[in-house]
Amino acid sequence: MLVIGREVGEIIVIGDDIRIMVVETRDGVVRFGVDAPRDVPVHRSEVYKRIKQGKQSKT
């Protein structure tokens, strides 16, 4: 795991086309903005797990 410290407004780049910006920090909560191509799904981990469980129950 790579751990990176960033300030509000700073950006992390993944590959050539995914950018993650720190939008806000307040009361221990960090808000991110994610800019990725439409064909790249972006989900919070708990949502991703539910999606995966739903697909597994259909098979």
C-alpha atoms as a PDB file:
ATOM      1  CA  MET A   1       0.000   0.000   0.000  1.00  0.00           C
ATOM      2  CA  LEU A   2       1.256   3.450  -0.896  1.00  0.00           C
ATOM      3  CA  VAL A   3       0.425   6.134   1.679  1.00  0.00           C
ATOM      4  CA  ILE A   4       0.489   9.704   0.374  1.00  0.00           C
ATOM      5  CA  GLY A   5      -0.091  12.912   2.285  1.00  0.00           C
ATOM      6  CA  ARG A   6      -1.952  15.586   0.319  1.00  0.00           C
ATOM      7  CA  GLU A   7      -3.404  19.015   1.046  1.00  0.00           C
ATOM      8  CA  VAL A   8      -6.776  20.299  -0.154  1.00  0.00           C
ATOM      9  CA  GLY A   9      -6.605  20.964  -3.899  1.00  0.00           C
ATOM     10  CA  GLU A  10      -3.684  18.602  -4.499  1.00  0.00           C
ATOM     11  CA  ILE A  11      -4.069  15.718  -6.924  1.00  0.00           C
ATOM     12  CA  ILE A  12      -2.967  12.094  -7.137  1.00  0.00           C
ATOM     13  CA  VAL A  13      -2.658  10.612 -10.635  1.00  0.00           C
ATOM     14  CA  ILE A  14      -3.194   6.905 -11.369  1.00  0.00           C
ATOM     15  CA  GLY A  15      -2.099   5.821 -14.820  1.00  0.00           C
ATOM     16  CA  ASP A  16      -2.715   8.279 -17.627  1.00  0.00           C
ATOM     17  CA  ASP A  17      -6.376   9.011 -17.051  1.00  0.00           C
ATOM     18  CA  ILE A  18      -7.433   8.762 -13.394  1.00  0.00           C
ATOM     19  CA  ARG A  19      -7.073  11.771 -11.110  1.00  0.00           C
ATOM     20  CA  ILE A  20      -8.042  11.967  -7.439  1.00  0.00           C
ATOM     21  CA  MET A  21      -8.263  15.401  -5.834  1.00  0.00           C
ATOM     22  CA  VAL A  22      -8.559  16.183  -2.130  1.00  0.00           C
ATOM     23  CA  VAL A  23     -11.622  18.434  -2.093  1.00  0.00           C
ATOM     24  CA  GLU A  24     -12.139  19.042   1.624  1.00  0.00           C
ATOM     25  CA  THR A  25     -11.086  17.917   5.080  1.00  0.00           C
ATOM     26  CA  ARG A  26     -13.356  18.569   8.048  1.00  0.00           C
ATOM     27  CA  ASP A  27     -13.650  16.950  11.471  1.00  0.00           C
ATOM     28  CA  GLY A  28     -11.455  13.997  10.512  1.00  0.00           C
ATOM     29  CA  VAL A  29     -13.315  13.352   7.240  1.00  0.00           C
ATOM     30  CA  VAL A  30     -11.597  13.663   3.861  1.00  0.00           C
ATOM     31  CA  ARG A  31     -13.662  14.280   0.717  1.00  0.00           C
ATOM     32  CA  PHE A  32     -12.196  13.265  -2.640  1.00  0.00           C
ATOM     33  CA  GLY A  33     -13.127  14.058  -6.196  1.00  0.00           C
ATOM     34  CA  VAL A  34     -12.415  11.304  -8.720  1.00  0.00           C
ATOM     35  CA  ASP A  35     -11.993  12.030 -12.418  1.00  0.00           C
ATOM     36  CA  ALA A  36     -11.915   8.814 -14.451  1.00  0.00           C
ATOM     37  CA  PRO A  37     -13.094   7.676 -17.884  1.00  0.00           C
ATOM     38  CA  ARG A  38     -16.746   6.599 -18.033  1.00  0.00           C
ATOM     39  CA  ASP A  39     -15.740   2.994 -18.689  1.00  0.00           C
ATOM     40  CA  VAL A  40     -13.848   2.803 -15.354  1.00  0.00           C
ATOM     41  CA  PRO A  41     -16.248   2.014 -12.495  1.00  0.00           C
ATOM     42  CA  VAL A  42     -15.567   3.976  -9.300  1.00  0.00           C
ATOM     43  CA  HIS A  43     -17.303   2.871  -6.077  1.00  0.00           C
ATOM     44  CA  ARG A  44     -16.834   3.098  -2.322  1.00  0.00           C
ATOM     45  CA  SER A  45     -15.659  -0.277  -0.999  1.00  0.00           C
ATOM     46  CA  GLU A  46     -18.956  -1.082   0.757  1.00  0.00           C
ATOM     47  CA  VAL A  47     -20.897  -0.424  -2.459  1.00  0.00           C
ATOM     48  CA  TYR A  48     -18.426  -2.497  -4.481  1.00  0.00           C
ATOM     49  CA  LYS A  49     -18.859  -5.425  -2.075  1.00  0.00           C
ATOM     50  CA  ARG A  50     -22.664  -5.294  -2.455  1.00  0.00           C
ATOM     51  CA  ILE A  51     -22.335  -5.211  -6.241  1.00  0.00           C
ATOM     52  CA  LYS A  52     -20.029  -8.235  -6.168  1.00  0.00           C
ATOM     53  CA  GLN A  53     -22.350 -10.134  -3.794  1.00  0.00           C
ATOM     54  CA  GLY A  54     -25.308  -9.373  -6.062  1.00  0.00           C
ATOM     55  CA  LYS A  55     -23.478 -10.732  -9.104  1.00  0.00           C
ATOM     56  CA  GLN A  56     -22.423 -13.883  -7.230  1.00  0.00           C
ATOM     57  CA  SER A  57     -25.959 -14.610  -6.061  1.00  0.00           C
ATOM     58  CA  LYS A  58     -27.198 -14.479  -9.674  1.00  0.00           C
ATOM     59  CA  THR A  59     -24.776 -17.193 -10.828  1.00  0.00           C
END
